[in-house]
Amino acid sequence: MSYPPPDKLIAVTFDDGPCAGTGRLLAILEEQCVQATFFLTGGHIRSFRKEAESIFMAGHELANHTDNHSRLGPSEAADGGPTPDEAAVRAAIEPVSSLIRGITGTLPPYMRAPFLSYSPALFKVASEMNLPLIDMSANSFDYNGIPATQIFDNVMAQASDGGIILLHEPYESTKAALPRLFDELRMKGYELSSVGHMAKKRGICLQGGMVYREIPLRGIAKIG
């Protein structure tokens, strides 16, 4: 299929891997010629080490998503709960960075906070560890068990130049949505990218402890 020359960039990211379905996802990405960023948990890396290695060998980025998907900001539960302190934040992050370094030879370039929940302790630790915090601008909501058509509609409704798409590895509906989603984004002039490739192409150095919801042409959207 012929696509118009790309004049926009958008990053493709996957959370909560690796998993039993990683191989199928990698096959789709290879067929579609897409390089993505994978935010991995330590527990899943231990259970699916070969799959994590396959992600790296396929040329994708490996990034930190905490050891066991720990909430690093205030609880949203009605009864509240303690906000993790710096020691708890480090305990959630450091094992994953070590696991990823064992696969790639380098520490992960950034992380994504589970539930996109932040705290002063997380900002401080991420700054000290030089970990930019990657958020998202286009939520697929695939974790709600929705069909592939709804995942497609959700992402396309939020797609924007410099945007970051949030997807999840484990869901079959996500995999089913990808070929049509990638095709439509390319038809609309998007180059599909990893986070690192987009930042490099736009000449932006991502800063540790800062939150990035997008990487636009001028300036950076961040909090923290």
N, C-alpha and C. Protein backbone atom coordinates (compact mmCIF):
# COMPACT_ATOMS: atom_id res chain seq x y z
N MET A 1 0.84 -1.20 0.00
CA MET A 1 0.00 0.00 0.00
C MET A 1 0.87 1.24 0.00
N SER A 2 0.45 2.24 -0.75
CA SER A 2 1.19 3.49 -0.84
C SER A 2 0.64 4.50 0.17
N TYR A 3 1.55 5.12 0.92
CA TYR A 3 1.17 6.11 1.91
C TYR A 3 1.72 7.48 1.53
N PRO A 4 1.08 8.54 1.97
CA PRO A 4 1.63 9.88 1.73
C PRO A 4 2.91 10.06 2.52
N PRO A 5 3.80 10.95 2.08
CA PRO A 5 5.03 11.19 2.86
C PRO A 5 4.66 11.64 4.27
N PRO A 6 5.27 11.05 5.29
CA PRO A 6 4.90 11.43 6.66
C PRO A 6 5.32 12.85 6.99
N ASP A 7 4.43 13.56 7.65
CA ASP A 7 4.75 14.91 8.12
C ASP A 7 4.46 15.07 9.61
N LYS A 8 4.18 13.95 10.27
CA LYS A 8 3.93 13.94 11.71
C LYS A 8 4.59 12.71 12.33
N LEU A 9 4.81 12.77 13.62
CA LEU A 9 5.38 11.65 14.37
C LEU A 9 4.45 11.25 15.50
N ILE A 10 4.39 9.95 15.77
CA ILE A 10 3.64 9.47 16.93
C ILE A 10 4.35 8.23 17.47
N ALA A 11 4.45 8.12 18.80
CA ALA A 11 5.16 7.01 19.42
C ALA A 11 4.19 5.90 19.80
N VAL A 12 4.62 4.67 19.59
CA VAL A 12 3.85 3.47 19.92
C VAL A 12 4.48 2.83 21.16
N THR A 13 3.68 2.66 22.22
CA THR A 13 4.21 2.07 23.46
C THR A 13 3.29 0.97 23.97
N PHE A 14 3.92 -0.03 24.61
CA PHE A 14 3.18 -1.16 25.17
C PHE A 14 3.58 -1.34 26.63
N ASP A 15 2.60 -1.52 27.49
CA ASP A 15 2.82 -1.77 28.91
C ASP A 15 2.59 -3.25 29.26
N ASP A 16 3.08 -3.61 30.45
CA ASP A 16 2.70 -4.84 31.16
C ASP A 16 3.24 -6.12 30.55
N GLY A 17 4.31 -6.04 29.82
CA GLY A 17 4.94 -7.24 29.31
C GLY A 17 6.22 -7.54 30.08
N PRO A 18 6.96 -8.54 29.60
CA PRO A 18 6.60 -9.46 28.52
C PRO A 18 5.57 -10.46 28.99
N CYS A 19 5.04 -11.23 28.03
CA CYS A 19 3.98 -12.18 28.36
C CYS A 19 3.99 -13.31 27.34
N ALA A 20 3.06 -14.23 27.51
CA ALA A 20 3.00 -15.38 26.61
C ALA A 20 2.73 -14.97 25.17
N GLY A 21 2.06 -13.84 24.97
CA GLY A 21 1.73 -13.39 23.63
C GLY A 21 2.73 -12.45 23.01
N THR A 22 3.88 -12.25 23.64
CA THR A 22 4.88 -11.31 23.12
C THR A 22 5.33 -11.69 21.71
N GLY A 23 5.54 -12.97 21.48
CA GLY A 23 6.01 -13.39 20.16
C GLY A 23 5.04 -13.01 19.05
N ARG A 24 3.75 -13.17 19.29
CA ARG A 24 2.75 -12.80 18.29
C ARG A 24 2.75 -11.30 18.04
N LEU A 25 2.90 -10.53 19.12
CA LEU A 25 2.96 -9.08 18.97
C LEU A 25 4.19 -8.67 18.17
N LEU A 26 5.33 -9.27 18.47
CA LEU A 26 6.55 -8.93 17.74
C LEU A 26 6.43 -9.27 16.25
N ALA A 27 5.74 -10.36 15.94
CA ALA A 27 5.55 -10.72 14.53
C ALA A 27 4.73 -9.66 13.81
N ILE A 28 3.71 -9.13 14.47
CA ILE A 28 2.89 -8.08 13.87
C ILE A 28 3.72 -6.82 13.65
N LEU A 29 4.51 -6.44 14.65
CA LEU A 29 5.34 -5.24 14.53
C LEU A 29 6.37 -5.39 13.42
N GLU A 30 6.94 -6.58 13.29
CA GLU A 30 7.91 -6.81 12.22
C GLU A 30 7.23 -6.71 10.85
N GLU A 31 6.07 -7.33 10.73
CA GLU A 31 5.34 -7.27 9.47
C GLU A 31 4.97 -5.84 9.10
N GLN A 32 4.64 -5.04 10.12
CA GLN A 32 4.22 -3.66 9.90
C GLN A 32 5.38 -2.67 9.90
N CYS A 33 6.60 -3.16 10.11
CA CYS A 33 7.80 -2.31 10.14
C CYS A 33 7.67 -1.18 11.16
N VAL A 34 7.30 -1.56 12.39
CA VAL A 34 7.11 -0.59 13.47
C VAL A 34 8.08 -0.90 14.60
N GLN A 35 8.81 0.12 15.04
CA GLN A 35 9.66 0.04 16.22
C GLN A 35 8.93 0.73 17.36
N ALA A 36 8.83 0.06 18.51
CA ALA A 36 8.02 0.55 19.62
C ALA A 36 8.85 0.59 20.90
N THR A 37 8.24 1.13 21.94
CA THR A 37 8.83 1.16 23.27
C THR A 37 8.00 0.26 24.18
N PHE A 38 8.65 -0.66 24.88
CA PHE A 38 7.99 -1.61 25.76
C PHE A 38 8.32 -1.30 27.22
N PHE A 39 7.29 -1.03 28.01
CA PHE A 39 7.46 -0.79 29.43
C PHE A 39 7.19 -2.09 30.17
N LEU A 40 8.26 -2.70 30.70
CA LEU A 40 8.21 -4.05 31.24
C LEU A 40 8.22 -4.04 32.77
N THR A 41 7.54 -5.02 33.36
CA THR A 41 7.59 -5.19 34.81
C THR A 41 8.61 -6.27 35.16
N GLY A 42 9.19 -6.14 36.34
CA GLY A 42 10.19 -7.11 36.76
C GLY A 42 9.63 -8.51 36.91
N GLY A 43 8.43 -8.61 37.48
CA GLY A 43 7.83 -9.93 37.64
C GLY A 43 7.63 -10.64 36.32
N HIS A 44 7.20 -9.90 35.31
CA HIS A 44 6.99 -10.51 34.01
C HIS A 44 8.32 -10.85 33.33
N ILE A 45 9.34 -10.02 33.52
CA ILE A 45 10.65 -10.36 32.94
C ILE A 45 11.16 -11.67 33.51
N ARG A 46 10.99 -11.87 34.82
CA ARG A 46 11.45 -13.11 35.45
C ARG A 46 10.69 -14.32 34.91
N SER A 47 9.40 -14.14 34.63
CA SER A 47 8.59 -15.25 34.14
C SER A 47 8.76 -15.49 32.65
N PHE A 48 9.10 -14.43 31.91
CA PHE A 48 9.19 -14.53 30.44
C PHE A 48 10.49 -13.89 29.96
N ARG A 49 11.58 -14.39 30.49
CA ARG A 49 12.90 -13.81 30.18
C ARG A 49 13.20 -13.89 28.68
N LYS A 50 12.92 -15.03 28.06
CA LYS A 50 13.22 -15.18 26.63
C LYS A 50 12.41 -14.19 25.80
N GLU A 51 11.18 -13.94 26.20
CA GLU A 51 10.34 -12.98 25.47
C GLU A 51 10.91 -11.57 25.60
N ALA A 52 11.40 -11.23 26.79
CA ALA A 52 12.03 -9.91 26.98
C ALA A 52 13.26 -9.77 26.10
N GLU A 53 14.04 -10.82 26.03
CA GLU A 53 15.22 -10.81 25.17
C GLU A 53 14.83 -10.67 23.70
N SER A 54 13.71 -11.30 23.33
CA SER A 54 13.24 -11.21 21.94
C SER A 54 12.83 -9.79 21.59
N ILE A 55 12.23 -9.09 22.53
CA ILE A 55 11.86 -7.69 22.29
C ILE A 55 13.11 -6.88 21.96
N PHE A 56 14.14 -7.06 22.75
CA PHE A 56 15.39 -6.33 22.54
C PHE A 56 16.04 -6.73 21.22
N MET A 57 16.09 -8.02 20.94
CA MET A 57 16.73 -8.49 19.71
C MET A 57 16.00 -7.99 18.47
N ALA A 58 14.70 -7.71 18.60
CA ALA A 58 13.92 -7.20 17.47
C ALA A 58 14.12 -5.70 17.26
N GLY A 59 14.91 -5.07 18.14
CA GLY A 59 15.24 -3.67 17.94
C GLY A 59 14.34 -2.67 18.65
N HIS A 60 13.49 -3.16 19.54
CA HIS A 60 12.60 -2.26 20.27
C HIS A 60 13.27 -1.75 21.54
N GLU A 61 12.71 -0.70 22.11
CA GLU A 61 13.22 -0.14 23.36
C GLU A 61 12.60 -0.86 24.56
N LEU A 62 13.43 -1.13 25.57
CA LEU A 62 12.97 -1.70 26.82
C LEU A 62 13.03 -0.63 27.90
N ALA A 63 11.92 -0.43 28.60
CA ALA A 63 11.86 0.60 29.63
C ALA A 63 11.20 0.04 30.88
N ASN A 64 11.30 0.80 31.97
CA ASN A 64 10.91 0.35 33.30
C ASN A 64 9.45 0.64 33.60
N HIS A 65 8.73 -0.39 34.11
CA HIS A 65 7.33 -0.21 34.52
C HIS A 65 7.11 -0.73 35.95
N THR A 66 8.16 -0.68 36.76
CA THR A 66 8.24 -1.13 38.16
C THR A 66 8.28 -2.65 38.25
N ASP A 67 8.62 -3.11 39.43
CA ASP A 67 8.83 -4.54 39.63
C ASP A 67 7.53 -5.33 39.55
N ASN A 68 6.51 -4.86 40.23
CA ASN A 68 5.23 -5.58 40.25
C ASN A 68 4.04 -4.65 40.05
N HIS A 69 4.22 -3.69 39.15
CA HIS A 69 3.14 -2.74 38.81
C HIS A 69 2.67 -1.99 40.06
N SER A 70 3.62 -1.52 40.84
CA SER A 70 3.32 -0.84 42.09
C SER A 70 2.86 0.60 41.83
N ARG A 71 1.83 1.02 42.55
CA ARG A 71 1.39 2.42 42.47
C ARG A 71 2.40 3.28 43.22
N LEU A 72 2.94 4.29 42.54
CA LEU A 72 3.97 5.13 43.13
C LEU A 72 3.47 6.52 43.50
N GLY A 73 2.16 6.72 43.37
CA GLY A 73 1.54 7.96 43.78
C GLY A 73 0.42 7.68 44.76
N PRO A 74 -0.36 8.69 45.10
CA PRO A 74 -1.45 8.49 46.07
C PRO A 74 -2.46 7.47 45.57
N SER A 75 -3.01 6.72 46.50
CA SER A 75 -4.05 5.74 46.17
C SER A 75 -5.32 6.46 45.78
N GLU A 76 -6.02 5.90 44.80
CA GLU A 76 -7.31 6.45 44.39
C GLU A 76 -8.46 5.75 45.10
N ALA A 77 -8.15 4.78 45.95
CA ALA A 77 -9.19 4.06 46.67
C ALA A 77 -9.90 4.99 47.65
N ALA A 78 -11.16 4.68 47.92
CA ALA A 78 -11.96 5.54 48.79
C ALA A 78 -11.35 5.66 50.17
N ASP A 79 -10.74 4.56 50.65
CA ASP A 79 -10.16 4.60 51.99
C ASP A 79 -8.73 5.12 51.99
N GLY A 80 -8.27 5.59 50.83
CA GLY A 80 -6.94 6.15 50.74
C GLY A 80 -5.87 5.10 50.94
N GLY A 81 -4.74 5.52 51.43
CA GLY A 81 -3.61 4.62 51.63
C GLY A 81 -2.34 5.43 51.62
N PRO A 82 -1.28 4.91 52.19
CA PRO A 82 -0.04 5.68 52.26
C PRO A 82 0.58 5.87 50.88
N THR A 83 1.09 7.06 50.64
CA THR A 83 1.85 7.32 49.42
C THR A 83 3.25 6.76 49.61
N PRO A 84 3.77 6.00 48.66
CA PRO A 84 5.09 5.40 48.84
C PRO A 84 6.17 6.44 49.13
N ASP A 85 7.07 6.10 50.03
CA ASP A 85 8.19 6.99 50.30
C ASP A 85 9.33 6.67 49.33
N GLU A 86 10.45 7.39 49.48
CA GLU A 86 11.55 7.22 48.53
C GLU A 86 12.10 5.79 48.54
N ALA A 87 12.17 5.19 49.72
CA ALA A 87 12.69 3.83 49.79
C ALA A 87 11.80 2.86 49.04
N ALA A 88 10.48 3.02 49.18
CA ALA A 88 9.54 2.15 48.47
C ALA A 88 9.62 2.36 46.96
N VAL A 89 9.79 3.60 46.55
CA VAL A 89 9.90 3.90 45.12
C VAL A 89 11.15 3.24 44.54
N ARG A 90 12.26 3.38 45.25
CA ARG A 90 13.50 2.75 44.77
C ARG A 90 13.36 1.23 44.69
N ALA A 91 12.70 0.66 45.69
CA ALA A 91 12.52 -0.79 45.70
C ALA A 91 11.66 -1.26 44.53
N ALA A 92 10.77 -0.39 44.05
CA ALA A 92 9.91 -0.74 42.91
C ALA A 92 10.62 -0.59 41.58
N ILE A 93 11.61 0.30 41.53
CA ILE A 93 12.24 0.65 40.26
C ILE A 93 13.56 -0.09 40.03
N GLU A 94 14.42 -0.12 41.03
CA GLU A 94 15.78 -0.60 40.83
C GLU A 94 15.88 -2.04 40.33
N PRO A 95 15.07 -2.99 40.85
CA PRO A 95 15.21 -4.36 40.34
C PRO A 95 14.92 -4.49 38.85
N VAL A 96 13.97 -3.71 38.36
CA VAL A 96 13.64 -3.77 36.93
C VAL A 96 14.77 -3.21 36.09
N SER A 97 15.33 -2.10 36.54
CA SER A 97 16.45 -1.53 35.79
C SER A 97 17.61 -2.51 35.73
N SER A 98 17.85 -3.23 36.81
CA SER A 98 18.93 -4.23 36.81
C SER A 98 18.62 -5.37 35.85
N LEU A 99 17.38 -5.83 35.84
CA LEU A 99 16.99 -6.90 34.92
C LEU A 99 17.15 -6.47 33.47
N ILE A 100 16.72 -5.26 33.16
CA ILE A 100 16.83 -4.77 31.79
C ILE A 100 18.29 -4.60 31.39
N ARG A 101 19.12 -4.10 32.31
CA ARG A 101 20.55 -3.98 32.01
C ARG A 101 21.16 -5.34 31.73
N GLY A 102 20.67 -6.38 32.41
CA GLY A 102 21.17 -7.72 32.15
C GLY A 102 20.84 -8.22 30.75
N ILE A 103 19.80 -7.65 30.14
CA ILE A 103 19.40 -8.05 28.79
C ILE A 103 20.04 -7.16 27.73
N THR A 104 20.04 -5.86 27.97
CA THR A 104 20.48 -4.90 26.95
C THR A 104 21.91 -4.43 27.12
N GLY A 105 22.45 -4.59 28.33
CA GLY A 105 23.79 -4.08 28.61
C GLY A 105 23.80 -2.65 29.11
N THR A 106 22.64 -2.00 29.11
CA THR A 106 22.53 -0.62 29.58
C THR A 106 21.28 -0.48 30.43
N LEU A 107 21.27 0.53 31.28
CA LEU A 107 20.08 0.81 32.07
C LEU A 107 18.97 1.33 31.17
N PRO A 108 17.72 1.10 31.53
CA PRO A 108 16.61 1.60 30.69
C PRO A 108 16.64 3.12 30.61
N PRO A 109 16.24 3.68 29.47
CA PRO A 109 16.33 5.13 29.28
C PRO A 109 15.22 5.91 29.97
N TYR A 110 14.11 5.27 30.32
CA TYR A 110 13.01 5.94 30.98
C TYR A 110 12.06 4.92 31.59
N MET A 111 11.02 5.43 32.24
CA MET A 111 10.05 4.54 32.86
C MET A 111 8.65 5.11 32.69
N ARG A 112 7.68 4.25 32.94
CA ARG A 112 6.28 4.69 33.00
C ARG A 112 5.73 4.29 34.36
N ALA A 113 5.15 5.24 35.06
CA ALA A 113 4.57 4.96 36.37
C ALA A 113 3.26 4.21 36.20
N PRO A 114 3.08 3.08 36.89
CA PRO A 114 1.79 2.38 36.82
C PRO A 114 0.65 3.30 37.21
N PHE A 115 -0.45 3.14 36.52
CA PHE A 115 -1.66 3.95 36.72
C PHE A 115 -1.41 5.44 36.43
N LEU A 116 -0.23 5.75 35.86
CA LEU A 116 0.16 7.15 35.60
C LEU A 116 -0.05 7.99 36.86
N SER A 117 0.40 7.43 37.98
CA SER A 117 0.23 8.05 39.29
C SER A 117 1.59 8.52 39.79
N TYR A 118 1.67 9.78 40.23
CA TYR A 118 2.94 10.40 40.57
C TYR A 118 2.94 10.91 42.01
N SER A 119 4.15 11.09 42.52
CA SER A 119 4.33 11.60 43.88
C SER A 119 5.65 12.35 43.95
N PRO A 120 5.83 13.22 44.96
CA PRO A 120 7.13 13.88 45.13
C PRO A 120 8.28 12.90 45.26
N ALA A 121 8.04 11.78 45.95
CA ALA A 121 9.09 10.78 46.09
C ALA A 121 9.49 10.20 44.74
N LEU A 122 8.52 9.94 43.88
CA LEU A 122 8.83 9.41 42.55
C LEU A 122 9.61 10.43 41.73
N PHE A 123 9.18 11.69 41.76
CA PHE A 123 9.90 12.73 41.01
C PHE A 123 11.37 12.80 41.47
N LYS A 124 11.59 12.73 42.78
CA LYS A 124 12.96 12.85 43.30
C LYS A 124 13.80 11.64 42.90
N VAL A 125 13.26 10.44 43.09
CA VAL A 125 14.02 9.24 42.77
C VAL A 125 14.28 9.14 41.26
N ALA A 126 13.27 9.44 40.46
CA ALA A 126 13.45 9.37 39.00
C ALA A 126 14.48 10.39 38.53
N SER A 127 14.51 11.55 39.17
CA SER A 127 15.52 12.55 38.82
C SER A 127 16.91 12.05 39.17
N GLU A 128 17.05 11.48 40.36
CA GLU A 128 18.36 10.96 40.79
C GLU A 128 18.82 9.81 39.92
N MET A 129 17.86 9.01 39.44
CA MET A 129 18.20 7.86 38.60
C MET A 129 18.22 8.21 37.11
N ASN A 130 18.00 9.49 36.80
CA ASN A 130 17.97 9.98 35.42
C ASN A 130 16.96 9.22 34.57
N LEU A 131 15.75 9.07 35.12
CA LEU A 131 14.67 8.37 34.41
C LEU A 131 13.56 9.36 34.06
N PRO A 132 13.45 9.78 32.80
CA PRO A 132 12.27 10.53 32.37
C PRO A 132 11.02 9.67 32.56
N LEU A 133 9.92 10.30 32.90
CA LEU A 133 8.66 9.61 33.15
C LEU A 133 7.76 9.79 31.93
N ILE A 134 7.53 8.71 31.21
CA ILE A 134 6.77 8.77 29.96
C ILE A 134 5.29 8.51 30.26
N ASP A 135 4.47 9.48 29.98
CA ASP A 135 3.03 9.40 30.17
C ASP A 135 2.40 9.02 28.82
N MET A 136 1.29 9.57 28.49
CA MET A 136 0.66 9.28 27.19
C MET A 136 -0.28 10.42 26.82
N SER A 137 -0.58 10.50 25.53
CA SER A 137 -1.55 11.48 25.04
C SER A 137 -2.73 10.79 24.35
N ALA A 138 -2.57 9.52 24.00
CA ALA A 138 -3.64 8.77 23.32
C ALA A 138 -3.83 7.44 24.03
N ASN A 139 -4.89 7.35 24.82
CA ASN A 139 -5.17 6.15 25.61
C ASN A 139 -6.09 5.23 24.83
N SER A 140 -5.61 4.01 24.59
CA SER A 140 -6.43 3.04 23.85
C SER A 140 -7.55 2.46 24.71
N PHE A 141 -7.38 2.51 26.04
CA PHE A 141 -8.33 1.88 26.98
C PHE A 141 -8.50 0.39 26.70
N ASP A 142 -7.46 -0.23 26.12
CA ASP A 142 -7.57 -1.66 25.79
C ASP A 142 -7.66 -2.53 27.03
N TYR A 143 -7.21 -2.02 28.17
CA TYR A 143 -7.25 -2.80 29.42
C TYR A 143 -8.67 -2.98 29.94
N ASN A 144 -9.64 -2.32 29.34
CA ASN A 144 -11.03 -2.47 29.75
C ASN A 144 -11.73 -3.64 29.08
N GLY A 145 -11.00 -4.43 28.30
CA GLY A 145 -11.59 -5.58 27.64
C GLY A 145 -12.45 -5.24 26.44
N ILE A 146 -12.18 -4.11 25.80
CA ILE A 146 -12.98 -3.65 24.67
C ILE A 146 -12.52 -4.32 23.38
N PRO A 147 -13.37 -4.34 22.35
CA PRO A 147 -12.98 -4.99 21.10
C PRO A 147 -11.99 -4.15 20.30
N ALA A 148 -11.40 -4.77 19.30
CA ALA A 148 -10.38 -4.11 18.48
C ALA A 148 -10.92 -2.86 17.81
N THR A 149 -12.18 -2.88 17.38
CA THR A 149 -12.73 -1.69 16.71
C THR A 149 -12.77 -0.49 17.64
N GLN A 150 -13.05 -0.72 18.93
CA GLN A 150 -13.10 0.39 19.88
C GLN A 150 -11.70 0.88 20.22
N ILE A 151 -10.73 -0.03 20.28
CA ILE A 151 -9.34 0.38 20.48
C ILE A 151 -8.90 1.29 19.34
N PHE A 152 -9.21 0.89 18.13
CA PHE A 152 -8.89 1.70 16.95
C PHE A 152 -9.53 3.09 17.06
N ASP A 153 -10.81 3.13 17.36
CA ASP A 153 -11.51 4.42 17.45
C ASP A 153 -10.93 5.30 18.54
N ASN A 154 -10.61 4.71 19.69
CA ASN A 154 -10.07 5.49 20.80
C ASN A 154 -8.75 6.16 20.44
N VAL A 155 -7.86 5.40 19.82
CA VAL A 155 -6.55 5.95 19.48
C VAL A 155 -6.68 7.01 18.39
N MET A 156 -7.45 6.73 17.36
CA MET A 156 -7.56 7.68 16.26
C MET A 156 -8.19 9.00 16.72
N ALA A 157 -9.09 8.93 17.68
CA ALA A 157 -9.74 10.15 18.18
C ALA A 157 -8.76 11.04 18.93
N GLN A 158 -7.66 10.46 19.42
CA GLN A 158 -6.71 11.21 20.24
C GLN A 158 -5.35 11.40 19.56
N ALA A 159 -5.17 10.86 18.38
CA ALA A 159 -3.88 10.93 17.71
C ALA A 159 -3.49 12.38 17.43
N SER A 160 -2.21 12.69 17.67
CA SER A 160 -1.72 14.04 17.44
C SER A 160 -0.23 13.99 17.16
N ASP A 161 0.27 15.00 16.48
CA ASP A 161 1.69 15.07 16.18
C ASP A 161 2.48 15.16 17.48
N GLY A 162 3.48 14.29 17.63
CA GLY A 162 4.26 14.26 18.85
C GLY A 162 3.62 13.47 19.97
N GLY A 163 2.50 12.81 19.67
CA GLY A 163 1.75 12.09 20.69
C GLY A 163 2.39 10.77 21.07
N ILE A 164 1.90 10.21 22.17
CA ILE A 164 2.37 8.92 22.69
C ILE A 164 1.16 8.03 22.91
N ILE A 165 1.11 6.90 22.21
CA ILE A 165 -0.02 5.97 22.29
C ILE A 165 0.22 4.95 23.40
N LEU A 166 -0.77 4.78 24.26
CA LEU A 166 -0.69 3.79 25.33
C LEU A 166 -1.48 2.54 24.95
N LEU A 167 -0.74 1.42 24.80
CA LEU A 167 -1.32 0.11 24.51
C LEU A 167 -0.78 -0.88 25.54
N HIS A 168 -1.33 -2.09 25.55
CA HIS A 168 -0.90 -3.11 26.50
C HIS A 168 -0.63 -4.42 25.77
N GLU A 169 0.45 -5.09 26.17
CA GLU A 169 0.86 -6.33 25.52
C GLU A 169 -0.13 -7.48 25.62
N PRO A 170 -0.70 -7.76 26.80
CA PRO A 170 -1.36 -9.06 26.99
C PRO A 170 -2.65 -9.28 26.21
N TYR A 171 -3.28 -8.24 25.67
CA TYR A 171 -4.64 -8.38 25.16
C TYR A 171 -4.66 -8.75 23.68
N GLU A 172 -5.41 -9.80 23.35
CA GLU A 172 -5.52 -10.22 21.96
C GLU A 172 -6.25 -9.17 21.12
N SER A 173 -7.20 -8.47 21.71
CA SER A 173 -7.91 -7.42 20.97
C SER A 173 -6.96 -6.30 20.56
N THR A 174 -5.95 -6.04 21.38
CA THR A 174 -4.95 -5.04 21.02
C THR A 174 -4.18 -5.47 19.79
N LYS A 175 -3.73 -6.71 19.79
CA LYS A 175 -3.00 -7.22 18.62
C LYS A 175 -3.87 -7.17 17.37
N ALA A 176 -5.14 -7.50 17.53
CA ALA A 176 -6.05 -7.50 16.38
C ALA A 176 -6.25 -6.10 15.83
N ALA A 177 -6.15 -5.09 16.69
CA ALA A 177 -6.39 -3.70 16.25
C ALA A 177 -5.20 -3.11 15.51
N LEU A 178 -4.01 -3.65 15.71
CA LEU A 178 -2.81 -2.96 15.25
C LEU A 178 -2.69 -2.79 13.74
N PRO A 179 -2.89 -3.81 12.91
CA PRO A 179 -2.70 -3.59 11.47
C PRO A 179 -3.57 -2.46 10.91
N ARG A 180 -4.83 -2.44 11.27
CA ARG A 180 -5.70 -1.37 10.79
C ARG A 180 -5.29 -0.03 11.38
N LEU A 181 -4.93 -0.02 12.66
CA LEU A 181 -4.52 1.22 13.31
C LEU A 181 -3.27 1.81 12.66
N PHE A 182 -2.27 0.98 12.45
CA PHE A 182 -1.03 1.47 11.84
C PHE A 182 -1.28 1.96 10.42
N ASP A 183 -2.11 1.23 9.69
CA ASP A 183 -2.42 1.64 8.32
C ASP A 183 -3.10 3.01 8.29
N GLU A 184 -4.07 3.22 9.17
CA GLU A 184 -4.80 4.48 9.17
C GLU A 184 -3.90 5.63 9.62
N LEU A 185 -3.07 5.41 10.61
CA LEU A 185 -2.16 6.47 11.05
C LEU A 185 -1.21 6.87 9.92
N ARG A 186 -0.70 5.89 9.20
CA ARG A 186 0.19 6.20 8.08
C ARG A 186 -0.55 6.93 6.96
N MET A 187 -1.79 6.54 6.71
CA MET A 187 -2.58 7.24 5.71
C MET A 187 -2.79 8.71 6.08
N LYS A 188 -2.79 8.99 7.38
CA LYS A 188 -2.97 10.36 7.84
C LYS A 188 -1.64 11.10 8.01
N GLY A 189 -0.56 10.51 7.53
CA GLY A 189 0.71 11.21 7.49
C GLY A 189 1.60 11.03 8.70
N TYR A 190 1.33 10.01 9.53
CA TYR A 190 2.15 9.77 10.71
C TYR A 190 3.30 8.80 10.41
N GLU A 191 4.46 9.12 10.95
CA GLU A 191 5.55 8.15 11.04
C GLU A 191 5.43 7.50 12.42
N LEU A 192 5.41 6.17 12.46
CA LEU A 192 5.28 5.43 13.70
C LEU A 192 6.67 5.22 14.30
N SER A 193 6.80 5.46 15.59
CA SER A 193 8.12 5.61 16.17
C SER A 193 8.16 5.05 17.59
N SER A 194 9.37 4.76 18.06
CA SER A 194 9.60 4.56 19.49
C SER A 194 9.73 5.93 20.15
N VAL A 195 9.66 5.96 21.47
CA VAL A 195 9.83 7.23 22.19
C VAL A 195 11.21 7.81 21.92
N GLY A 196 12.24 6.97 22.02
CA GLY A 196 13.60 7.45 21.85
C GLY A 196 13.86 7.99 20.46
N HIS A 197 13.34 7.31 19.44
CA HIS A 197 13.54 7.78 18.08
C HIS A 197 12.87 9.13 17.87
N MET A 198 11.67 9.30 18.42
CA MET A 198 10.96 10.56 18.24
C MET A 198 11.70 11.70 18.94
N ALA A 199 12.17 11.45 20.16
CA ALA A 199 12.91 12.49 20.87
C ALA A 199 14.18 12.87 20.13
N LYS A 200 14.89 11.86 19.64
CA LYS A 200 16.13 12.12 18.90
C LYS A 200 15.86 12.89 17.62
N LYS A 201 14.83 12.49 16.91
CA LYS A 201 14.53 13.14 15.63
C LYS A 201 14.13 14.60 15.85
N ARG A 202 13.54 14.90 17.00
CA ARG A 202 13.12 16.27 17.29
C ARG A 202 14.15 17.04 18.11
N GLY A 203 15.29 16.41 18.38
CA GLY A 203 16.37 17.10 19.05
C GLY A 203 16.08 17.45 20.49
N ILE A 204 15.27 16.62 21.16
CA ILE A 204 14.88 16.88 22.54
C ILE A 204 15.54 15.86 23.46
N CYS A 205 16.24 16.34 24.47
CA CYS A 205 16.86 15.48 25.47
C CYS A 205 15.88 15.33 26.63
N LEU A 206 15.35 14.13 26.82
CA LEU A 206 14.39 13.90 27.89
C LEU A 206 15.09 13.93 29.24
N GLN A 207 14.49 14.64 30.20
CA GLN A 207 15.12 14.88 31.49
C GLN A 207 14.57 13.95 32.57
N GLY A 208 15.46 13.41 33.40
CA GLY A 208 15.05 12.55 34.49
C GLY A 208 14.14 13.28 35.47
N GLY A 209 13.08 12.58 35.90
CA GLY A 209 12.16 13.15 36.86
C GLY A 209 11.09 14.05 36.28
N MET A 210 11.11 14.26 34.97
CA MET A 210 10.10 15.07 34.30
C MET A 210 9.10 14.14 33.60
N VAL A 211 7.84 14.59 33.52
CA VAL A 211 6.78 13.79 32.90
C VAL A 211 6.52 14.30 31.49
N TYR A 212 6.52 13.38 30.54
CA TYR A 212 6.31 13.73 29.13
C TYR A 212 5.04 13.05 28.62
N ARG A 213 4.05 13.87 28.29
CA ARG A 213 2.82 13.36 27.70
C ARG A 213 2.84 13.42 26.18
N GLU A 214 3.77 14.16 25.65
CA GLU A 214 3.95 14.27 24.20
C GLU A 214 5.34 14.82 23.95
N ILE A 215 5.78 14.76 22.70
CA ILE A 215 7.06 15.33 22.31
C ILE A 215 6.80 16.16 21.05
N PRO A 216 6.32 17.40 21.22
CA PRO A 216 5.95 18.21 20.06
C PRO A 216 7.17 18.81 19.39
N LEU A 217 6.94 19.51 18.31
CA LEU A 217 8.03 20.11 17.57
C LEU A 217 8.76 21.17 18.38
N ARG A 218 8.02 21.99 19.09
CA ARG A 218 8.62 23.07 19.87
C ARG A 218 8.19 22.94 21.31
N GLY A 219 9.19 22.94 22.20
CA GLY A 219 8.88 22.84 23.63
C GLY A 219 8.55 21.40 24.01
N ILE A 220 8.32 21.17 25.27
CA ILE A 220 8.00 19.85 25.75
C ILE A 220 6.88 19.93 26.77
N ALA A 221 5.93 19.04 26.67
CA ALA A 221 4.83 19.00 27.62
C ALA A 221 5.27 18.16 28.81
N LYS A 222 5.30 18.77 29.99
CA LYS A 222 5.83 18.06 31.15
C LYS A 222 5.25 18.62 32.42
N ILE A 223 5.30 17.83 33.48
CA ILE A 223 4.98 18.30 34.80
C ILE A 223 6.01 17.75 35.76
N GLY A 224 5.98 18.19 36.99
CA GLY A 224 6.88 17.64 37.98
C GLY A 224 7.99 18.60 38.34
